[in-house]
């Protein structure tokens, strides 16, 4: 689901079942929809089943392993191999 902006750089590999979620409901008022952009840098690699939450930036050449939940920024050249949450 995307109501916010999603920017994907060049030569990005995105595997099956990846979710890029640029919006979310306010936990206190379901009528309010908040939108934050997602940015994916050049040459990033996003593994199967990854979920990227609103407002996240994934840097250039970053690798996100399968089934990870990305809740914060991945800097350039980062590697994550197992699921993480903030």
PDB file of N, CA and C in Angstrom:
ATOM      1  N   UNK A   1       0.848  -1.170   0.000  1.00  0.00           N
ATOM      2  CA  UNK A   1       0.000   0.000   0.000  1.00  0.00           C
ATOM      3  C   UNK A   1       0.890   1.228   0.000  1.00  0.00           C
ATOM      4  N   UNK A   2       0.574   2.159  -0.841  1.00  0.00           N
ATOM      5  CA  UNK A   2       1.394   3.351  -0.936  1.00  0.00           C
ATOM      6  C   UNK A   2       0.545   4.587  -1.164  1.00  0.00           C
ATOM      7  N   UNK A   3       0.541   5.487  -0.211  1.00  0.00           N
ATOM      8  CA  UNK A   3      -0.067   6.805  -0.399  1.00  0.00           C
ATOM      9  C   UNK A   3       1.008   7.860  -0.296  1.00  0.00           C
ATOM     10  N   UNK A   4       2.147   7.490   0.304  1.00  0.00           N
ATOM     11  CA  UNK A   4       3.274   8.402   0.378  1.00  0.00           C
ATOM     12  C   UNK A   4       4.202   8.172  -0.794  1.00  0.00           C
ATOM     13  N   UNK A   5       5.300   8.869  -0.784  1.00  0.00           N
ATOM     14  CA  UNK A   5       6.265   8.787  -1.874  1.00  0.00           C
ATOM     15  C   UNK A   5       7.198   7.601  -1.652  1.00  0.00           C
ATOM     16  N   UNK A   6       7.476   6.842  -2.722  1.00  0.00           N
ATOM     17  CA  UNK A   6       8.469   5.783  -2.696  1.00  0.00           C
ATOM     18  C   UNK A   6       9.448   6.073  -3.825  1.00  0.00           C
ATOM     19  N   UNK A   7      10.735   6.254  -3.468  1.00  0.00           N
ATOM     20  CA  UNK A   7      11.773   6.547  -4.442  1.00  0.00           C
ATOM     21  C   UNK A   7      12.730   5.369  -4.479  1.00  0.00           C
ATOM     22  N   UNK A   8      12.909   4.782  -5.672  1.00  0.00           N
ATOM     23  CA  UNK A   8      13.782   3.619  -5.833  1.00  0.00           C
ATOM     24  C   UNK A   8      14.902   4.002  -6.797  1.00  0.00           C
ATOM     25  N   UNK A   9      16.147   3.843  -6.351  1.00  0.00           N
ATOM     26  CA  UNK A   9      17.305   4.191  -7.161  1.00  0.00           C
ATOM     27  C   UNK A   9      17.541   3.212  -8.299  1.00  0.00           C
ATOM     28  N   UNK A  10      18.623   3.424  -9.031  1.00  0.00           N
ATOM     29  CA  UNK A  10      18.954   2.581 -10.163  1.00  0.00           C
ATOM     30  C   UNK A  10      19.585   1.262  -9.748  1.00  0.00           C
ATOM     31  N   UNK A  11      19.376   0.233 -10.553  1.00  0.00           N
ATOM     32  CA  UNK A  11      19.946  -1.104 -10.341  1.00  0.00           C
ATOM     33  C   UNK A  11      19.628  -1.683  -8.967  1.00  0.00           C
ATOM     34  N   UNK A  12      18.414  -1.501  -8.499  1.00  0.00           N
ATOM     35  CA  UNK A  12      17.964  -2.046  -7.219  1.00  0.00           C
ATOM     36  C   UNK A  12      17.341  -3.421  -7.465  1.00  0.00           C
ATOM     37  N   UNK A  13      17.693  -4.391  -6.638  1.00  0.00           N
ATOM     38  CA  UNK A  13      17.101  -5.728  -6.725  1.00  0.00           C
ATOM     39  C   UNK A  13      16.079  -5.872  -5.601  1.00  0.00           C
ATOM     40  N   UNK A  14      14.822  -6.135  -5.964  1.00  0.00           N
ATOM     41  CA  UNK A  14      13.750  -6.321  -4.986  1.00  0.00           C
ATOM     42  C   UNK A  14      13.146  -7.692  -5.224  1.00  0.00           C
ATOM     43  N   UNK A  15      13.226  -8.569  -4.239  1.00  0.00           N
ATOM     44  CA  UNK A  15      12.738  -9.943  -4.363  1.00  0.00           C
ATOM     45  C   UNK A  15      11.226 -10.022  -4.163  1.00  0.00           C
ATOM     46  N   UNK A  16      10.711 -11.231  -4.228  1.00  0.00           N
ATOM     47  CA  UNK A  16       9.270 -11.476  -4.105  1.00  0.00           C
ATOM     48  C   UNK A  16       8.755 -11.156  -2.704  1.00  0.00           C
ATOM     49  N   UNK A  17       7.496 -10.764  -2.652  1.00  0.00           N
ATOM     50  CA  UNK A  17       6.757 -10.544  -1.396  1.00  0.00           C
ATOM     51  C   UNK A  17       7.329  -9.439  -0.508  1.00  0.00           C
ATOM     52  N   UNK A  18       7.964  -8.460  -1.104  1.00  0.00           N
ATOM     53  CA  UNK A  18       8.464  -7.300  -0.360  1.00  0.00           C
ATOM     54  C   UNK A  18       7.318  -6.312  -0.186  1.00  0.00           C
ATOM     55  N   UNK A  19       7.201  -5.739   1.010  1.00  0.00           N
ATOM     56  CA  UNK A  19       6.172  -4.743   1.286  1.00  0.00           C
ATOM     57  C   UNK A  19       6.832  -3.396   1.577  1.00  0.00           C
ATOM     58  N   UNK A  20       6.496  -2.404   0.781  1.00  0.00           N
ATOM     59  CA  UNK A  20       6.968  -1.039   0.996  1.00  0.00           C
ATOM     60  C   UNK A  20       5.774  -0.230   1.484  1.00  0.00           C
ATOM     61  N   UNK A  21       5.727   0.029   2.781  1.00  0.00           N
ATOM     62  CA  UNK A  21       4.567   0.657   3.411  1.00  0.00           C
ATOM     63  C   UNK A  21       4.881   2.115   3.725  1.00  0.00           C
ATOM     64  N   UNK A  22       4.369   3.024   2.909  1.00  0.00           N
ATOM     65  CA  UNK A  22       4.677   4.437   3.111  1.00  0.00           C
ATOM     66  C   UNK A  22       3.588   5.169   3.897  1.00  0.00           C
ATOM     67  N   UNK A  23       2.603   4.444   4.357  1.00  0.00           N
ATOM     68  CA  UNK A  23       1.553   5.088   5.163  1.00  0.00           C
ATOM     69  C   UNK A  23       1.139   4.187   6.318  1.00  0.00           C
ATOM     70  N   UNK A  24       0.483   4.798   7.292  1.00  0.00           N
ATOM     71  CA  UNK A  24       0.030   4.066   8.470  1.00  0.00           C
ATOM     72  C   UNK A  24      -1.100   4.862   9.117  1.00  0.00           C
ATOM     73  N   UNK A  25      -1.947   4.180   9.850  1.00  0.00           N
ATOM     74  CA  UNK A  25      -3.015   4.854  10.578  1.00  0.00           C
ATOM     75  C   UNK A  25      -2.503   5.337  11.927  1.00  0.00           C
ATOM     76  N   UNK A  26      -3.022   6.448  12.377  1.00  0.00           N
ATOM     77  CA  UNK A  26      -2.717   6.966  13.702  1.00  0.00           C
ATOM     78  C   UNK A  26      -3.262   5.971  14.720  1.00  0.00           C
ATOM     79  N   UNK A  27      -2.465   5.551  15.709  1.00  0.00           N
ATOM     80  CA  UNK A  27      -2.948   4.563  16.675  1.00  0.00           C
ATOM     81  C   UNK A  27      -4.081   5.065  17.571  1.00  0.00           C
ATOM     82  N   UNK A  28      -4.246   6.386  17.658  1.00  0.00           N
ATOM     83  CA  UNK A  28      -5.274   6.961  18.520  1.00  0.00           C
ATOM     84  C   UNK A  28      -6.525   7.393  17.761  1.00  0.00           C
ATOM     85  N   UNK A  29      -6.397   7.540  16.455  1.00  0.00           N
ATOM     86  CA  UNK A  29      -7.542   7.958  15.638  1.00  0.00           C
ATOM     87  C   UNK A  29      -7.427   7.294  14.273  1.00  0.00           C
ATOM     88  N   UNK A  30      -8.183   6.249  14.060  1.00  0.00           N
ATOM     89  CA  UNK A  30      -8.082   5.469  12.820  1.00  0.00           C
ATOM     90  C   UNK A  30      -8.484   6.243  11.571  1.00  0.00           C
ATOM     91  N   UNK A  31      -9.127   7.380  11.741  1.00  0.00           N
ATOM     92  CA  UNK A  31      -9.512   8.199  10.591  1.00  0.00           C
ATOM     93  C   UNK A  31      -8.326   9.014  10.046  1.00  0.00           C
ATOM     94  N   UNK A  32      -7.251   9.070  10.808  1.00  0.00           N
ATOM     95  CA  UNK A  32      -6.078   9.828  10.387  1.00  0.00           C
ATOM     96  C   UNK A  32      -5.066   8.875   9.748  1.00  0.00           C
ATOM     97  N   UNK A  33      -4.669   9.188   8.530  1.00  0.00           N
ATOM     98  CA  UNK A  33      -3.679   8.406   7.807  1.00  0.00           C
ATOM     99  C   UNK A  33      -2.404   9.238   7.696  1.00  0.00           C
ATOM    100  N   UNK A  34      -1.298   8.716   8.221  1.00  0.00           N
ATOM    101  CA  UNK A  34      -0.028   9.424   8.135  1.00  0.00           C
ATOM    102  C   UNK A  34       0.810   8.827   7.009  1.00  0.00           C
ATOM    103  N   UNK A  35       1.490   9.672   6.260  1.00  0.00           N
ATOM    104  CA  UNK A  35       2.310   9.235   5.137  1.00  0.00           C
ATOM    105  C   UNK A  35       3.730   9.753   5.307  1.00  0.00           C
ATOM    106  N   UNK A  36       4.700   8.869   5.116  1.00  0.00           N
ATOM    107  CA  UNK A  36       6.111   9.233   5.169  1.00  0.00           C
ATOM    108  C   UNK A  36       6.808   8.564   3.989  1.00  0.00           C
ATOM    109  N   UNK A  37       7.769   9.245   3.376  1.00  0.00           N
ATOM    110  CA  UNK A  37       8.413   8.680   2.192  1.00  0.00           C
ATOM    111  C   UNK A  37       9.365   7.532   2.518  1.00  0.00           C
ATOM    112  N   UNK A  38       9.568   6.667   1.542  1.00  0.00           N
ATOM    113  CA  UNK A  38      10.570   5.610   1.604  1.00  0.00           C
ATOM    114  C   UNK A  38      11.568   5.883   0.482  1.00  0.00           C
ATOM    115  N   UNK A  39      12.856   5.820   0.806  1.00  0.00           N
ATOM    116  CA  UNK A  39      13.910   6.025  -0.192  1.00  0.00           C
ATOM    117  C   UNK A  39      14.807   4.787  -0.205  1.00  0.00           C
ATOM    118  N   UNK A  40      15.020   4.236  -1.381  1.00  0.00           N
ATOM    119  CA  UNK A  40      15.919   3.100  -1.547  1.00  0.00           C
ATOM    120  C   UNK A  40      17.031   3.547  -2.493  1.00  0.00           C
ATOM    121  N   UNK A  41      18.278   3.472  -2.016  1.00  0.00           N
ATOM    122  CA  UNK A  41      19.418   3.964  -2.782  1.00  0.00           C
ATOM    123  C   UNK A  41      19.806   3.063  -3.938  1.00  0.00           C
ATOM    124  N   UNK A  42      20.744   3.540  -4.728  1.00  0.00           N
ATOM    125  CA  UNK A  42      21.222   2.812  -5.894  1.00  0.00           C
ATOM    126  C   UNK A  42      21.908   1.500  -5.493  1.00  0.00           C
ATOM    127  N   UNK A  43      21.693   0.465  -6.287  1.00  0.00           N
ATOM    128  CA  UNK A  43      22.349  -0.836  -6.140  1.00  0.00           C
ATOM    129  C   UNK A  43      22.001  -1.543  -4.826  1.00  0.00           C
ATOM    130  N   UNK A  44      20.920  -1.162  -4.174  1.00  0.00           N
ATOM    131  CA  UNK A  44      20.493  -1.859  -2.952  1.00  0.00           C
ATOM    132  C   UNK A  44      19.890  -3.210  -3.325  1.00  0.00           C
ATOM    133  N   UNK A  45      19.872  -4.106  -2.376  1.00  0.00           N
ATOM    134  CA  UNK A  45      19.350  -5.455  -2.584  1.00  0.00           C
ATOM    135  C   UNK A  45      18.379  -5.733  -1.441  1.00  0.00           C
ATOM    136  N   UNK A  46      17.125  -5.946  -1.767  1.00  0.00           N
ATOM    137  CA  UNK A  46      16.082  -6.180  -0.775  1.00  0.00           C
ATOM    138  C   UNK A  46      15.626  -7.635  -0.915  1.00  0.00           C
ATOM    139  N   UNK A  47      15.840  -8.452   0.120  1.00  0.00           N
ATOM    140  CA  UNK A  47      15.534  -9.882   0.074  1.00  0.00           C
ATOM    141  C   UNK A  47      14.046 -10.183   0.150  1.00  0.00           C
ATOM    142  N   UNK A  48      13.711 -11.440  -0.086  1.00  0.00           N
ATOM    143  CA  UNK A  48      12.315 -11.894  -0.111  1.00  0.00           C
ATOM    144  C   UNK A  48      11.630 -11.676   1.229  1.00  0.00           C
ATOM    145  N   UNK A  49      10.395 -11.200   1.165  1.00  0.00           N
ATOM    146  CA  UNK A  49       9.564 -11.061   2.357  1.00  0.00           C
ATOM    147  C   UNK A  49       9.927  -9.910   3.278  1.00  0.00           C
ATOM    148  N   UNK A  50      10.736  -8.993   2.827  1.00  0.00           N
ATOM    149  CA  UNK A  50      11.129  -7.839   3.645  1.00  0.00           C
ATOM    150  C   UNK A  50       9.952  -6.870   3.760  1.00  0.00           C
ATOM    151  N   UNK A  51       9.784  -6.282   4.939  1.00  0.00           N
ATOM    152  CA  UNK A  51       8.797  -5.218   5.150  1.00  0.00           C
ATOM    153  C   UNK A  51       9.549  -3.940   5.491  1.00  0.00           C
ATOM    154  N   UNK A  52       9.282  -2.885   4.719  1.00  0.00           N
ATOM    155  CA  UNK A  52       9.897  -1.576   4.955  1.00  0.00           C
ATOM    156  C   UNK A  52       8.803  -0.638   5.447  1.00  0.00           C
ATOM    157  N   UNK A  53       8.995  -0.058   6.625  1.00  0.00           N
ATOM    158  CA  UNK A  53       7.980   0.777   7.251  1.00  0.00           C
ATOM    159  C   UNK A  53       8.118   2.241   6.819  1.00  0.00           C
ATOM    160  N   UNK A  54       7.096   3.061   7.070  1.00  0.00           N
ATOM    161  CA  UNK A  54       7.114   4.451   6.629  1.00  0.00           C
ATOM    162  C   UNK A  54       8.302   5.246   7.160  1.00  0.00           C
ATOM    163  N   UNK A  55       8.839   6.116   6.297  1.00  0.00           N
ATOM    164  CA  UNK A  55       9.899   7.030   6.701  1.00  0.00           C
ATOM    165  C   UNK A  55      11.304   6.469   6.661  1.00  0.00           C
ATOM    166  N   UNK A  56      11.489   5.272   6.118  1.00  0.00           N
ATOM    167  CA  UNK A  56      12.787   4.611   6.117  1.00  0.00           C
ATOM    168  C   UNK A  56      13.594   4.993   4.877  1.00  0.00           C
ATOM    169  N   UNK A  57      14.913   5.133   5.062  1.00  0.00           N
ATOM    170  CA  UNK A  57      15.854   5.288   3.956  1.00  0.00           C
ATOM    171  C   UNK A  57      16.808   4.109   3.981  1.00  0.00           C
ATOM    172  N   UNK A  58      16.939   3.443   2.854  1.00  0.00           N
ATOM    173  CA  UNK A  58      17.900   2.350   2.688  1.00  0.00           C
ATOM    174  C   UNK A  58      18.971   2.885   1.751  1.00  0.00           C
ATOM    175  N   UNK A  59      20.221   2.908   2.212  1.00  0.00           N
ATOM    176  CA  UNK A  59      21.299   3.558   1.478  1.00  0.00           C
ATOM    177  C   UNK A  59      21.773   2.811   0.250  1.00  0.00           C
ATOM    178  N   UNK A  60      22.695   3.439  -0.469  1.00  0.00           N
ATOM    179  CA  UNK A  60      23.310   2.834  -1.645  1.00  0.00           C
ATOM    180  C   UNK A  60      24.070   1.566  -1.258  1.00  0.00           C
ATOM    181  N   UNK A  61      23.936   0.527  -2.062  1.00  0.00           N
ATOM    182  CA  UNK A  61      24.629  -0.753  -1.891  1.00  0.00           C
ATOM    183  C   UNK A  61      24.266  -1.482  -0.601  1.00  0.00           C
ATOM    184  N   UNK A  62      23.209  -1.087   0.079  1.00  0.00           N
ATOM    185  CA  UNK A  62      22.776  -1.781   1.295  1.00  0.00           C
ATOM    186  C   UNK A  62      22.127  -3.106   0.918  1.00  0.00           C
ATOM    187  N   UNK A  63      22.265  -4.098   1.783  1.00  0.00           N
ATOM    188  CA  UNK A  63      21.653  -5.409   1.572  1.00  0.00           C
ATOM    189  C   UNK A  63      20.759  -5.703   2.766  1.00  0.00           C
ATOM    190  N   UNK A  64      19.491  -5.983   2.481  1.00  0.00           N
ATOM    191  CA  UNK A  64      18.527  -6.311   3.531  1.00  0.00           C
ATOM    192  C   UNK A  64      18.141  -7.769   3.343  1.00  0.00           C
ATOM    193  N   UNK A  65      18.458  -8.625   4.321  1.00  0.00           N
ATOM    194  CA  UNK A  65      18.204 -10.056   4.223  1.00  0.00           C
ATOM    195  C   UNK A  65      16.731 -10.406   4.271  1.00  0.00           C
ATOM    196  N   UNK A  66      16.420 -11.601   3.794  1.00  0.00           N
ATOM    197  CA  UNK A  66      15.043 -12.081   3.710  1.00  0.00           C
ATOM    198  C   UNK A  66      14.322 -11.979   5.049  1.00  0.00           C
ATOM    199  N   UNK A  67      13.065 -11.603   4.985  1.00  0.00           N
ATOM    200  CA  UNK A  67      12.134 -11.538   6.128  1.00  0.00           C
ATOM    201  C   UNK A  67      12.453 -10.445   7.141  1.00  0.00           C
ATOM    202  N   UNK A  68      13.371  -9.551   6.843  1.00  0.00           N
ATOM    203  CA  UNK A  68      13.687  -8.464   7.774  1.00  0.00           C
ATOM    204  C   UNK A  68      12.527  -7.467   7.831  1.00  0.00           C
ATOM    205  N   UNK A  69      12.378  -6.827   8.985  1.00  0.00           N
ATOM    206  CA  UNK A  69      11.426  -5.730   9.153  1.00  0.00           C
ATOM    207  C   UNK A  69      12.273  -4.478   9.390  1.00  0.00           C
ATOM    208  N   UNK A  70      12.249  -3.581   8.410  1.00  0.00           N
ATOM    209  CA  UNK A  70      13.117  -2.401   8.461  1.00  0.00           C
ATOM    210  C   UNK A  70      12.327  -1.237   9.056  1.00  0.00           C
ATOM    211  N   UNK A  71      12.747  -0.801  10.247  1.00  0.00           N
ATOM    212  CA  UNK A  71      12.043   0.263  10.958  1.00  0.00           C
ATOM    213  C   UNK A  71      12.892   1.518  11.118  1.00  0.00           C
ATOM    214  N   UNK A  72      14.148   1.463  10.668  1.00  0.00           N
ATOM    215  CA  UNK A  72      15.028   2.625  10.775  1.00  0.00           C
ATOM    216  C   UNK A  72      15.990   2.634   9.589  1.00  0.00           C
ATOM    217  N   UNK A  73      16.774   3.695   9.482  1.00  0.00           N
ATOM    218  CA  UNK A  73      17.647   3.889   8.335  1.00  0.00           C
ATOM    219  C   UNK A  73      18.734   2.829   8.239  1.00  0.00           C
ATOM    220  N   UNK A  74      18.980   2.367   7.024  1.00  0.00           N
ATOM    221  CA  UNK A  74      20.144   1.535   6.708  1.00  0.00           C
ATOM    222  C   UNK A  74      21.113   2.443   5.968  1.00  0.00           C
ATOM    223  N   UNK A  75      22.311   2.587   6.459  1.00  0.00           N
ATOM    224  CA  UNK A  75      23.299   3.456   5.836  1.00  0.00           C
ATOM    225  C   UNK A  75      23.883   2.790   4.592  1.00  0.00           C
ATOM    226  N   UNK A  76      24.626   3.546   3.818  1.00  0.00           N
ATOM    227  CA  UNK A  76      25.287   2.994   2.642  1.00  0.00           C
ATOM    228  C   UNK A  76      26.141   1.784   3.026  1.00  0.00           C
ATOM    229  N   UNK A  77      26.083   0.749   2.220  1.00  0.00           N
ATOM    230  CA  UNK A  77      26.883  -0.471   2.365  1.00  0.00           C
ATOM    231  C   UNK A  77      26.528  -1.315   3.588  1.00  0.00           C
ATOM    232  N   UNK A  78      25.378  -1.111   4.213  1.00  0.00           N
ATOM    233  CA  UNK A  78      24.971  -1.933   5.355  1.00  0.00           C
ATOM    234  C   UNK A  78      24.511  -3.304   4.914  1.00  0.00           C
ATOM    235  N   UNK A  79      24.678  -4.275   5.794  1.00  0.00           N
ATOM    236  CA  UNK A  79      24.218  -5.643   5.567  1.00  0.00           C
ATOM    237  C   UNK A  79      23.463  -6.112   6.803  1.00  0.00           C
ATOM    238  N   UNK A  80      22.243  -6.607   6.623  1.00  0.00           N
ATOM    239  CA  UNK A  80      21.447  -7.204   7.704  1.00  0.00           C
ATOM    240  C   UNK A  80      21.025  -8.580   7.257  1.00  0.00           C
ATOM    241  N   UNK A  81      21.265  -9.581   8.073  1.00  0.00           N
ATOM    242  CA  UNK A  81      20.991 -10.947   7.664  1.00  0.00           C
ATOM    243  C   UNK A  81      19.822 -11.583   8.379  1.00  0.00           C
ATOM    244  N   UNK A  82      19.424 -11.063   9.515  1.00  0.00           N
ATOM    245  CA  UNK A  82      18.287 -11.649  10.203  1.00  0.00           C
ATOM    246  C   UNK A  82      17.270 -10.579  10.537  1.00  0.00           C
ATOM    247  N   UNK A  83      16.016 -10.988  10.781  1.00  0.00           N
ATOM    248  CA  UNK A  83      14.966  -9.997  11.052  1.00  0.00           C
ATOM    249  C   UNK A  83      15.325  -9.102  12.236  1.00  0.00           C
ATOM    250  N   UNK A  84      15.026  -7.804  12.093  1.00  0.00           N
ATOM    251  CA  UNK A  84      15.271  -6.840  13.160  1.00  0.00           C
ATOM    252  C   UNK A  84      14.038  -5.988  13.358  1.00  0.00           C
ATOM    253  N   UNK A  85      13.861  -5.470  14.536  1.00  0.00           N
ATOM    254  CA  UNK A  85      12.823  -4.498  14.817  1.00  0.00           C
ATOM    255  C   UNK A  85      13.404  -3.471  15.764  1.00  0.00           C
ATOM    256  N   UNK A  86      12.829  -2.296  15.759  1.00  0.00           N
ATOM    257  CA  UNK A  86      13.336  -1.237  16.639  1.00  0.00           C
ATOM    258  C   UNK A  86      12.746  -1.369  18.014  1.00  0.00           C
TER     259      UNK A  86
END
